[in-house]
Amino acid sequence: MSDRDLGRPEPEEPERDTGRDEELLYFFPDREVTASELEAILAEGGEDERAEAVSCLLRYAEWGHIWRFVSREEVREIFPELDLPERLRQAWARMLGIEVHLAETD
């Protein structure tokens, strides 16, 4: 008799291991992105798409995961285009040695 015949749930089939490059990255809160897709965006994407990807890295990724995908120099180059809250922008600017102008407040 099978498990089904005995009224037991059938064992779940293990997920196929498609490799680490196909795992979804946790630091993209609004869409599903794999490591290989991120690498393609960073290598071939337009400036806006690259800036969005780097912004997510700097906002949400753990320290070691950031530098797996980008170098400090790459972040410096795209820094003016990044979508970061002001305090986070200032913190990253200090860490990267970038001069930033504070947003004017009235």
PDB file of N, CA and C in Angstrom:
ATOM      1  N   MET A   1       0.842  -1.196   0.000  1.00  0.00           N
ATOM      2  CA  MET A   1       0.000   0.000   0.000  1.00  0.00           C
ATOM      3  C   MET A   1       0.879   1.248   0.000  1.00  0.00           C
ATOM      4  N   SER A   2       0.398   2.240  -0.707  1.00  0.00           N
ATOM      5  CA  SER A   2       1.154   3.498  -0.760  1.00  0.00           C
ATOM      6  C   SER A   2       0.692   4.409   0.373  1.00  0.00           C
ATOM      7  N   ASP A   3       1.454   5.483   0.585  1.00  0.00           N
ATOM      8  CA  ASP A   3       1.078   6.475   1.598  1.00  0.00           C
ATOM      9  C   ASP A   3      -0.296   7.048   1.294  1.00  0.00           C
ATOM     10  N   ARG A   4      -0.578   7.254   0.019  1.00  0.00           N
ATOM     11  CA  ARG A   4      -1.872   7.817  -0.376  1.00  0.00           C
ATOM     12  C   ARG A   4      -2.997   6.872   0.028  1.00  0.00           C
ATOM     13  N   ASP A   5      -2.802   5.565  -0.197  1.00  0.00           N
ATOM     14  CA  ASP A   5      -3.824   4.580   0.156  1.00  0.00           C
ATOM     15  C   ASP A   5      -4.073   4.540   1.662  1.00  0.00           C
ATOM     16  N   LEU A   6      -3.055   4.856   2.472  1.00  0.00           N
ATOM     17  CA  LEU A   6      -3.192   4.830   3.926  1.00  0.00           C
ATOM     18  C   LEU A   6      -3.691   6.165   4.477  1.00  0.00           C
ATOM     19  N   GLY A   7      -3.973   7.111   3.613  1.00  0.00           N
ATOM     20  CA  GLY A   7      -4.477   8.406   4.052  1.00  0.00           C
ATOM     21  C   GLY A   7      -3.379   9.363   4.511  1.00  0.00           C
ATOM     22  N   ARG A   8      -2.144   9.003   4.300  1.00  0.00           N
ATOM     23  CA  ARG A   8      -1.025   9.878   4.668  1.00  0.00           C
ATOM     24  C   ARG A   8      -0.721  10.812   3.510  1.00  0.00           C
ATOM     25  N   PRO A   9      -0.292  12.005   3.822  1.00  0.00           N
ATOM     26  CA  PRO A   9       0.088  12.900   2.722  1.00  0.00           C
ATOM     27  C   PRO A   9       1.326  12.353   2.026  1.00  0.00           C
ATOM     28  N   GLU A  10       1.369  12.544   0.736  1.00  0.00           N
ATOM     29  CA  GLU A  10       2.541  12.102  -0.007  1.00  0.00           C
ATOM     30  C   GLU A  10       3.710  13.009   0.344  1.00  0.00           C
ATOM     31  N   PRO A  11       4.907  12.438   0.437  1.00  0.00           N
ATOM     32  CA  PRO A  11       6.065  13.284   0.746  1.00  0.00           C
ATOM     33  C   PRO A  11       6.288  14.293  -0.363  1.00  0.00           C
ATOM     34  N   GLU A  12       6.679  15.482   0.072  1.00  0.00           N
ATOM     35  CA  GLU A  12       6.939  16.519  -0.919  1.00  0.00           C
ATOM     36  C   GLU A  12       8.198  16.183  -1.685  1.00  0.00           C
ATOM     37  N   GLU A  13       8.163  16.479  -2.961  1.00  0.00           N
ATOM     38  CA  GLU A  13       9.333  16.263  -3.777  1.00  0.00           C
ATOM     39  C   GLU A  13      10.337  17.369  -3.450  1.00  0.00           C
ATOM     40  N   PRO A  14      11.597  17.008  -3.265  1.00  0.00           N
ATOM     41  CA  PRO A  14      12.576  18.052  -2.944  1.00  0.00           C
ATOM     42  C   PRO A  14      12.701  19.039  -4.089  1.00  0.00           C
ATOM     43  N   GLU A  15      12.946  20.300  -3.715  1.00  0.00           N
ATOM     44  CA  GLU A  15      13.110  21.315  -4.749  1.00  0.00           C
ATOM     45  C   GLU A  15      14.366  21.023  -5.536  1.00  0.00           C
ATOM     46  N   ARG A  16      14.285  21.298  -6.796  1.00  0.00           N
ATOM     47  CA  ARG A  16      15.426  21.096  -7.675  1.00  0.00           C
ATOM     48  C   ARG A  16      16.493  22.130  -7.347  1.00  0.00           C
ATOM     49  N   ASP A  17      17.730  21.692  -7.229  1.00  0.00           N
ATOM     50  CA  ASP A  17      18.826  22.619  -6.965  1.00  0.00           C
ATOM     51  C   ASP A  17      19.279  23.202  -8.294  1.00  0.00           C
ATOM     52  N   THR A  18      18.923  24.452  -8.529  1.00  0.00           N
ATOM     53  CA  THR A  18      19.297  25.090  -9.788  1.00  0.00           C
ATOM     54  C   THR A  18      20.557  25.920  -9.627  1.00  0.00           C
ATOM     55  N   GLY A  19      21.171  25.840  -8.460  1.00  0.00           N
ATOM     56  CA  GLY A  19      22.407  26.581  -8.234  1.00  0.00           C
ATOM     57  C   GLY A  19      22.146  27.896  -7.542  1.00  0.00           C
ATOM     58  N   ARG A  20      23.187  28.398  -6.908  1.00  0.00           N
ATOM     59  CA  ARG A  20      23.066  29.630  -6.127  1.00  0.00           C
ATOM     60  C   ARG A  20      22.697  30.823  -7.006  1.00  0.00           C
ATOM     61  N   ASP A  21      23.099  30.830  -8.261  1.00  0.00           N
ATOM     62  CA  ASP A  21      22.798  31.964  -9.130  1.00  0.00           C
ATOM     63  C   ASP A  21      21.310  32.103  -9.420  1.00  0.00           C
ATOM     64  N   GLU A  22      20.536  31.052  -9.185  1.00  0.00           N
ATOM     65  CA  GLU A  22      19.107  31.116  -9.470  1.00  0.00           C
ATOM     66  C   GLU A  22      18.260  31.329  -8.225  1.00  0.00           C
ATOM     67  N   GLU A  23      18.893  31.413  -7.060  1.00  0.00           N
ATOM     68  CA  GLU A  23      18.139  31.708  -5.843  1.00  0.00           C
ATOM     69  C   GLU A  23      17.695  33.169  -5.883  1.00  0.00           C
ATOM     70  N   LEU A  24      16.510  33.419  -5.366  1.00  0.00           N
ATOM     71  CA  LEU A  24      16.026  34.801  -5.313  1.00  0.00           C
ATOM     72  C   LEU A  24      16.801  35.566  -4.249  1.00  0.00           C
ATOM     73  N   LEU A  25      17.149  36.786  -4.569  1.00  0.00           N
ATOM     74  CA  LEU A  25      17.902  37.633  -3.642  1.00  0.00           C
ATOM     75  C   LEU A  25      16.941  38.337  -2.692  1.00  0.00           C
ATOM     76  N   TYR A  26      17.274  38.351  -1.437  1.00  0.00           N
ATOM     77  CA  TYR A  26      16.394  38.904  -0.401  1.00  0.00           C
ATOM     78  C   TYR A  26      16.359  40.421  -0.387  1.00  0.00           C
ATOM     79  N   PHE A  27      17.307  41.068  -1.016  1.00  0.00           N
ATOM     80  CA  PHE A  27      17.404  42.522  -0.890  1.00  0.00           C
ATOM     81  C   PHE A  27      16.710  43.297  -2.008  1.00  0.00           C
ATOM     82  N   PHE A  28      15.816  42.634  -2.717  1.00  0.00           N
ATOM     83  CA  PHE A  28      14.928  43.306  -3.665  1.00  0.00           C
ATOM     84  C   PHE A  28      13.511  43.151  -3.132  1.00  0.00           C
ATOM     85  N   PRO A  29      13.016  44.137  -2.395  1.00  0.00           N
ATOM     86  CA  PRO A  29      11.717  43.971  -1.733  1.00  0.00           C
ATOM     87  C   PRO A  29      10.512  44.033  -2.664  1.00  0.00           C
ATOM     88  N   ASP A  30      10.661  44.639  -3.836  1.00  0.00           N
ATOM     89  CA  ASP A  30       9.507  44.874  -4.703  1.00  0.00           C
ATOM     90  C   ASP A  30       9.427  43.959  -5.922  1.00  0.00           C
ATOM     91  N   ARG A  31      10.441  43.128  -6.124  1.00  0.00           N
ATOM     92  CA  ARG A  31      10.423  42.230  -7.279  1.00  0.00           C
ATOM     93  C   ARG A  31      11.369  41.059  -7.035  1.00  0.00           C
ATOM     94  N   GLU A  32      11.204  40.026  -7.834  1.00  0.00           N
ATOM     95  CA  GLU A  32      12.036  38.839  -7.703  1.00  0.00           C
ATOM     96  C   GLU A  32      13.227  38.953  -8.648  1.00  0.00           C
ATOM     97  N   VAL A  33      14.430  38.855  -8.076  1.00  0.00           N
ATOM     98  CA  VAL A  33      15.660  38.973  -8.849  1.00  0.00           C
ATOM     99  C   VAL A  33      16.612  37.879  -8.391  1.00  0.00           C
ATOM    100  N   THR A  34      17.228  37.182  -9.332  1.00  0.00           N
ATOM    101  CA  THR A  34      18.238  36.185  -9.002  1.00  0.00           C
ATOM    102  C   THR A  34      19.626  36.816  -9.114  1.00  0.00           C
ATOM    103  N   ALA A  35      20.617  36.114  -8.615  1.00  0.00           N
ATOM    104  CA  ALA A  35      21.988  36.619  -8.687  1.00  0.00           C
ATOM    105  C   ALA A  35      22.430  36.799 -10.137  1.00  0.00           C
ATOM    106  N   SER A  36      22.099  35.853 -10.991  1.00  0.00           N
ATOM    107  CA  SER A  36      22.509  35.985 -12.394  1.00  0.00           C
ATOM    108  C   SER A  36      21.788  37.159 -13.068  1.00  0.00           C
ATOM    109  N   GLU A  37      20.532  37.404 -12.706  1.00  0.00           N
ATOM    110  CA  GLU A  37      19.821  38.559 -13.249  1.00  0.00           C
ATOM    111  C   GLU A  37      20.442  39.861 -12.756  1.00  0.00           C
ATOM    112  N   LEU A  38      20.815  39.910 -11.477  1.00  0.00           N
ATOM    113  CA  LEU A  38      21.460  41.111 -10.944  1.00  0.00           C
ATOM    114  C   LEU A  38      22.787  41.358 -11.654  1.00  0.00           C
ATOM    115  N   GLU A  39      23.560  40.315 -11.843  1.00  0.00           N
ATOM    116  CA  GLU A  39      24.837  40.473 -12.543  1.00  0.00           C
ATOM    117  C   GLU A  39      24.627  41.015 -13.958  1.00  0.00           C
ATOM    118  N   ALA A  40      23.572  40.553 -14.642  1.00  0.00           N
ATOM    119  CA  ALA A  40      23.270  41.051 -15.983  1.00  0.00           C
ATOM    120  C   ALA A  40      22.844  42.516 -15.942  1.00  0.00           C
ATOM    121  N   ILE A  41      22.032  42.885 -14.957  1.00  0.00           N
ATOM    122  CA  ILE A  41      21.605  44.285 -14.808  1.00  0.00           C
ATOM    123  C   ILE A  41      22.828  45.173 -14.605  1.00  0.00           C
ATOM    124  N   LEU A  42      23.716  44.766 -13.725  1.00  0.00           N
ATOM    125  CA  LEU A  42      24.883  45.583 -13.418  1.00  0.00           C
ATOM    126  C   LEU A  42      25.844  45.677 -14.604  1.00  0.00           C
ATOM    127  N   ALA A  43      25.907  44.629 -15.407  1.00  0.00           N
ATOM    128  CA  ALA A  43      26.826  44.617 -16.545  1.00  0.00           C
ATOM    129  C   ALA A  43      26.241  45.281 -17.790  1.00  0.00           C
ATOM    130  N   GLU A  44      24.925  45.106 -17.999  1.00  0.00           N
ATOM    131  CA  GLU A  44      24.343  45.506 -19.278  1.00  0.00           C
ATOM    132  C   GLU A  44      23.152  46.449 -19.162  1.00  0.00           C
ATOM    133  N   GLY A  45      22.656  46.681 -17.955  1.00  0.00           N
ATOM    134  CA  GLY A  45      21.463  47.489 -17.789  1.00  0.00           C
ATOM    135  C   GLY A  45      21.725  48.969 -18.014  1.00  0.00           C
ATOM    136  N   GLY A  46      20.643  49.701 -18.211  1.00  0.00           N
ATOM    137  CA  GLY A  46      20.748  51.150 -18.329  1.00  0.00           C
ATOM    138  C   GLY A  46      21.092  51.773 -16.984  1.00  0.00           C
ATOM    139  N   GLU A  47      21.421  53.044 -17.000  1.00  0.00           N
ATOM    140  CA  GLU A  47      21.837  53.723 -15.770  1.00  0.00           C
ATOM    141  C   GLU A  47      20.759  53.679 -14.690  1.00  0.00           C
ATOM    142  N   ASP A  48      19.506  53.906 -15.074  1.00  0.00           N
ATOM    143  CA  ASP A  48      18.422  53.882 -14.094  1.00  0.00           C
ATOM    144  C   ASP A  48      18.261  52.502 -13.466  1.00  0.00           C
ATOM    145  N   GLU A  49      18.338  51.475 -14.283  1.00  0.00           N
ATOM    146  CA  GLU A  49      18.191  50.108 -13.785  1.00  0.00           C
ATOM    147  C   GLU A  49      19.359  49.734 -12.873  1.00  0.00           C
ATOM    148  N   ARG A  50      20.570  50.126 -13.252  1.00  0.00           N
ATOM    149  CA  ARG A  50      21.741  49.853 -12.403  1.00  0.00           C
ATOM    150  C   ARG A  50      21.642  50.622 -11.093  1.00  0.00           C
ATOM    151  N   ALA A  51      21.201  51.880 -11.160  1.00  0.00           N
ATOM    152  CA  ALA A  51      21.067  52.680  -9.943  1.00  0.00           C
ATOM    153  C   ALA A  51      20.037  52.069  -8.996  1.00  0.00           C
ATOM    154  N   GLU A  52      18.941  51.570  -9.542  1.00  0.00           N
ATOM    155  CA  GLU A  52      17.929  50.920  -8.700  1.00  0.00           C
ATOM    156  C   GLU A  52      18.504  49.681  -8.028  1.00  0.00           C
ATOM    157  N   ALA A  53      19.256  48.892  -8.773  1.00  0.00           N
ATOM    158  CA  ALA A  53      19.843  47.667  -8.226  1.00  0.00           C
ATOM    159  C   ALA A  53      20.856  47.985  -7.120  1.00  0.00           C
ATOM    160  N   VAL A  54      21.724  48.954  -7.358  1.00  0.00           N
ATOM    161  CA  VAL A  54      22.726  49.317  -6.356  1.00  0.00           C
ATOM    162  C   VAL A  54      22.047  49.945  -5.140  1.00  0.00           C
ATOM    163  N   SER A  55      20.994  50.712  -5.355  1.00  0.00           N
ATOM    164  CA  SER A  55      20.241  51.287  -4.235  1.00  0.00           C
ATOM    165  C   SER A  55      19.695  50.183  -3.336  1.00  0.00           C
ATOM    166  N   CYS A  56      19.145  49.132  -3.934  1.00  0.00           N
ATOM    167  CA  CYS A  56      18.637  48.007  -3.137  1.00  0.00           C
ATOM    168  C   CYS A  56      19.769  47.325  -2.383  1.00  0.00           C
ATOM    169  N   LEU A  57      20.893  47.144  -3.040  1.00  0.00           N
ATOM    170  CA  LEU A  57      22.047  46.545  -2.359  1.00  0.00           C
ATOM    171  C   LEU A  57      22.427  47.359  -1.124  1.00  0.00           C
ATOM    172  N   LEU A  58      22.579  48.666  -1.293  1.00  0.00           N
ATOM    173  CA  LEU A  58      23.038  49.511  -0.189  1.00  0.00           C
ATOM    174  C   LEU A  58      21.990  49.668   0.906  1.00  0.00           C
ATOM    175  N   ARG A  59      20.726  49.589   0.558  1.00  0.00           N
ATOM    176  CA  ARG A  59      19.652  49.723   1.547  1.00  0.00           C
ATOM    177  C   ARG A  59      19.420  48.444   2.335  1.00  0.00           C
ATOM    178  N   TYR A  60      19.422  47.304   1.646  1.00  0.00           N
ATOM    179  CA  TYR A  60      18.878  46.086   2.243  1.00  0.00           C
ATOM    180  C   TYR A  60      19.850  44.912   2.387  1.00  0.00           C
ATOM    181  N   ALA A  61      20.946  44.912   1.666  1.00  0.00           N
ATOM    182  CA  ALA A  61      21.836  43.743   1.673  1.00  0.00           C
ATOM    183  C   ALA A  61      22.808  43.787   2.851  1.00  0.00           C
ATOM    184  N   GLU A  62      23.215  42.610   3.274  1.00  0.00           N
ATOM    185  CA  GLU A  62      24.254  42.502   4.288  1.00  0.00           C
ATOM    186  C   GLU A  62      25.588  42.917   3.659  1.00  0.00           C
ATOM    187  N   TRP A  63      26.497  43.377   4.504  1.00  0.00           N
ATOM    188  CA  TRP A  63      27.783  43.932   4.073  1.00  0.00           C
ATOM    189  C   TRP A  63      28.490  43.053   3.040  1.00  0.00           C
ATOM    190  N   GLY A  64      28.681  41.797   3.345  1.00  0.00           N
ATOM    191  CA  GLY A  64      29.413  40.916   2.443  1.00  0.00           C
ATOM    192  C   GLY A  64      28.711  40.676   1.126  1.00  0.00           C
ATOM    193  N   HIS A  65      27.403  40.725   1.125  1.00  0.00           N
ATOM    194  CA  HIS A  65      26.649  40.511  -0.113  1.00  0.00           C
ATOM    195  C   HIS A  65      26.781  41.705  -1.051  1.00  0.00           C
ATOM    196  N   ILE A  66      26.912  42.891  -0.495  1.00  0.00           N
ATOM    197  CA  ILE A  66      27.067  44.087  -1.335  1.00  0.00           C
ATOM    198  C   ILE A  66      28.290  43.935  -2.230  1.00  0.00           C
ATOM    199  N   TRP A  67      29.420  43.599  -1.608  1.00  0.00           N
ATOM    200  CA  TRP A  67      30.698  43.593  -2.330  1.00  0.00           C
ATOM    201  C   TRP A  67      30.873  42.348  -3.192  1.00  0.00           C
ATOM    202  N   ARG A  68      29.954  41.415  -3.099  1.00  0.00           N
ATOM    203  CA  ARG A  68      29.949  40.281  -4.024  1.00  0.00           C
ATOM    204  C   ARG A  68      29.553  40.754  -5.422  1.00  0.00           C
ATOM    205  N   PHE A  69      28.734  41.788  -5.483  1.00  0.00           N
ATOM    206  CA  PHE A  69      28.171  42.230  -6.755  1.00  0.00           C
ATOM    207  C   PHE A  69      28.780  43.522  -7.298  1.00  0.00           C
ATOM    208  N   VAL A  70      29.217  44.409  -6.432  1.00  0.00           N
ATOM    209  CA  VAL A  70      29.766  45.694  -6.884  1.00  0.00           C
ATOM    210  C   VAL A  70      31.029  46.017  -6.110  1.00  0.00           C
ATOM    211  N   SER A  71      31.854  46.856  -6.717  1.00  0.00           N
ATOM    212  CA  SER A  71      33.046  47.351  -6.029  1.00  0.00           C
ATOM    213  C   SER A  71      32.743  48.737  -5.462  1.00  0.00           C
ATOM    214  N   ARG A  72      33.577  49.189  -4.576  1.00  0.00           N
ATOM    215  CA  ARG A  72      33.406  50.535  -4.029  1.00  0.00           C
ATOM    216  C   ARG A  72      33.494  51.581  -5.139  1.00  0.00           C
ATOM    217  N   GLU A  73      34.396  51.359  -6.092  1.00  0.00           N
ATOM    218  CA  GLU A  73      34.542  52.301  -7.198  1.00  0.00           C
ATOM    219  C   GLU A  73      33.266  52.354  -8.049  1.00  0.00           C
ATOM    220  N   GLU A  74      32.647  51.219  -8.288  1.00  0.00           N
ATOM    221  CA  GLU A  74      31.392  51.201  -9.056  1.00  0.00           C
ATOM    222  C   GLU A  74      30.293  51.961  -8.320  1.00  0.00           C
ATOM    223  N   VAL A  75      30.249  51.833  -6.996  1.00  0.00           N
ATOM    224  CA  VAL A  75      29.256  52.571  -6.208  1.00  0.00           C
ATOM    225  C   VAL A  75      29.547  54.063  -6.273  1.00  0.00           C
ATOM    226  N   ARG A  76      30.819  54.443  -6.163  1.00  0.00           N
ATOM    227  CA  ARG A  76      31.184  55.863  -6.254  1.00  0.00           C
ATOM    228  C   ARG A  76      30.731  56.458  -7.594  1.00  0.00           C
ATOM    229  N   GLU A  77      30.923  55.708  -8.668  1.00  0.00           N
ATOM    230  CA  GLU A  77      30.591  56.217 -10.005  1.00  0.00           C
ATOM    231  C   GLU A  77      29.101  56.487 -10.174  1.00  0.00           C
ATOM    232  N   ILE A  78      28.256  55.664  -9.583  1.00  0.00           N
ATOM    233  CA  ILE A  78      26.807  55.794  -9.774  1.00  0.00           C
ATOM    234  C   ILE A  78      26.136  56.502  -8.590  1.00  0.00           C
ATOM    235  N   PHE A  79      26.912  56.867  -7.595  1.00  0.00           N
ATOM    236  CA  PHE A  79      26.372  57.399  -6.342  1.00  0.00           C
ATOM    237  C   PHE A  79      25.359  58.531  -6.512  1.00  0.00           C
ATOM    238  N   PRO A  80      25.594  59.526  -7.370  1.00  0.00           N
ATOM    239  CA  PRO A  80      24.617  60.629  -7.495  1.00  0.00           C
ATOM    240  C   PRO A  80      23.231  60.157  -7.947  1.00  0.00           C
ATOM    241  N   GLU A  81      23.163  59.033  -8.619  1.00  0.00           N
ATOM    242  CA  GLU A  81      21.889  58.531  -9.149  1.00  0.00           C
ATOM    243  C   GLU A  81      21.140  57.622  -8.173  1.00  0.00           C
ATOM    244  N   LEU A  82      21.749  57.262  -7.057  1.00  0.00           N
ATOM    245  CA  LEU A  82      21.137  56.293  -6.138  1.00  0.00           C
ATOM    246  C   LEU A  82      19.960  56.886  -5.377  1.00  0.00           C
ATOM    247  N   ASP A  83      18.977  56.055  -5.140  1.00  0.00           N
ATOM    248  CA  ASP A  83      17.788  56.431  -4.378  1.00  0.00           C
ATOM    249  C   ASP A  83      17.983  55.942  -2.945  1.00  0.00           C
ATOM    250  N   LEU A  84      18.505  56.841  -2.109  1.00  0.00           N
ATOM    251  CA  LEU A  84      18.777  56.503  -0.714  1.00  0.00           C
ATOM    252  C   LEU A  84      18.203  57.586   0.192  1.00  0.00           C
ATOM    253  N   PRO A  85      17.694  57.194   1.364  1.00  0.00           N
ATOM    254  CA  PRO A  85      17.278  58.215   2.335  1.00  0.00           C
ATOM    255  C   PRO A  85      18.497  59.087   2.696  1.00  0.00           C
ATOM    256  N   GLU A  86      18.257  60.331   3.020  1.00  0.00           N
ATOM    257  CA  GLU A  86      19.349  61.290   3.230  1.00  0.00           C
ATOM    258  C   GLU A  86      20.390  60.812   4.251  1.00  0.00           C
ATOM    259  N   ARG A  87      19.954  60.301   5.384  1.00  0.00           N
ATOM    260  CA  ARG A  87      20.923  59.849   6.391  1.00  0.00           C
ATOM    261  C   ARG A  87      21.758  58.669   5.898  1.00  0.00           C
ATOM    262  N   LEU A  88      21.126  57.765   5.191  1.00  0.00           N
ATOM    263  CA  LEU A  88      21.856  56.628   4.644  1.00  0.00           C
ATOM    264  C   LEU A  88      22.821  57.094   3.560  1.00  0.00           C
ATOM    265  N   ARG A  89      22.381  58.048   2.742  1.00  0.00           N
ATOM    266  CA  ARG A  89      23.259  58.623   1.714  1.00  0.00           C
ATOM    267  C   ARG A  89      24.496  59.250   2.356  1.00  0.00           C
ATOM    268  N   GLN A  90      24.301  59.989   3.431  1.00  0.00           N
ATOM    269  CA  GLN A  90      25.429  60.621   4.120  1.00  0.00           C
ATOM    270  C   GLN A  90      26.374  59.576   4.706  1.00  0.00           C
ATOM    271  N   ALA A  91      25.816  58.521   5.295  1.00  0.00           N
ATOM    272  CA  ALA A  91      26.641  57.470   5.883  1.00  0.00           C
ATOM    273  C   ALA A  91      27.475  56.769   4.806  1.00  0.00           C
ATOM    274  N   TRP A  92      26.845  56.437   3.683  1.00  0.00           N
ATOM    275  CA  TRP A  92      27.581  55.792   2.602  1.00  0.00           C
ATOM    276  C   TRP A  92      28.619  56.743   2.021  1.00  0.00           C
ATOM    277  N   ALA A  93      28.291  58.006   1.890  1.00  0.00           N
ATOM    278  CA  ALA A  93      29.242  58.979   1.361  1.00  0.00           C
ATOM    279  C   ALA A  93      30.481  59.053   2.244  1.00  0.00           C
ATOM    280  N   ARG A  94      30.282  59.081   3.564  1.00  0.00           N
ATOM    281  CA  ARG A  94      31.432  59.097   4.482  1.00  0.00           C
ATOM    282  C   ARG A  94      32.275  57.843   4.306  1.00  0.00           C
ATOM    283  N   MET A  95      31.621  56.692   4.240  1.00  0.00           N
ATOM    284  CA  MET A  95      32.341  55.432   4.130  1.00  0.00           C
ATOM    285  C   MET A  95      33.115  55.348   2.809  1.00  0.00           C
ATOM    286  N   LEU A  96      32.548  55.898   1.751  1.00  0.00           N
ATOM    287  CA  LEU A  96      33.176  55.817   0.429  1.00  0.00           C
ATOM    288  C   LEU A  96      34.081  57.009   0.124  1.00  0.00           C
ATOM    289  N   GLY A  97      34.131  57.979   1.035  1.00  0.00           N
ATOM    290  CA  GLY A  97      34.957  59.157   0.813  1.00  0.00           C
ATOM    291  C   GLY A  97      34.426  60.075  -0.277  1.00  0.00           C
ATOM    292  N   ILE A  98      33.102  60.212  -0.313  1.00  0.00           N
ATOM    293  CA  ILE A  98      32.453  61.057  -1.321  1.00  0.00           C
ATOM    294  C   ILE A  98      31.924  62.308  -0.643  1.00  0.00           C
ATOM    295  N   GLU A  99      32.139  63.460  -1.273  1.00  0.00           N
ATOM    296  CA  GLU A  99      31.568  64.699  -0.733  1.00  0.00           C
ATOM    297  C   GLU A  99      30.137  64.818  -1.225  1.00  0.00           C
ATOM    298  N   VAL A 100      29.216  65.002  -0.278  1.00  0.00           N
ATOM    299  CA  VAL A 100      27.817  65.194  -0.665  1.00  0.00           C
ATOM    300  C   VAL A 100      27.357  66.519  -0.114  1.00  0.00           C
ATOM    301  N   HIS A 101      26.432  67.114  -0.825  1.00  0.00           N
ATOM    302  CA  HIS A 101      25.830  68.363  -0.374  1.00  0.00           C
ATOM    303  C   HIS A 101      24.526  68.013   0.307  1.00  0.00           C
ATOM    304  N   LEU A 102      24.342  68.501   1.499  1.00  0.00           N
ATOM    305  CA  LEU A 102      23.130  68.207   2.252  1.00  0.00           C
ATOM    306  C   LEU A 102      21.926  68.854   1.586  1.00  0.00           C
ATOM    307  N   ALA A 103      20.818  68.164   1.650  1.00  0.00           N
ATOM    308  CA  ALA A 103      19.575  68.708   1.109  1.00  0.00           C
ATOM    309  C   ALA A 103      19.211  69.961   1.872  1.00  0.00           C
ATOM    310  N   GLU A 104      18.790  70.982   1.139  1.00  0.00           N
ATOM    311  CA  GLU A 104      18.384  72.221   1.804  1.00  0.00           C
ATOM    312  C   GLU A 104      17.015  72.048   2.436  1.00  0.00           C
ATOM    313  N   THR A 105      16.880  72.587   3.630  1.00  0.00           N
ATOM    314  CA  THR A 105      15.595  72.554   4.308  1.00  0.00           C
ATOM    315  C   THR A 105      15.171  73.974   4.587  1.00  0.00           C
ATOM    316  N   ASP A 106      13.893  74.236   4.486  1.00  0.00           N
ATOM    317  CA  ASP A 106      13.374  75.595   4.757  1.00  0.00           C
ATOM    318  C   ASP A 106      12.882  75.698   6.152  1.00  0.00           C
TER     319      ASP A 106
END
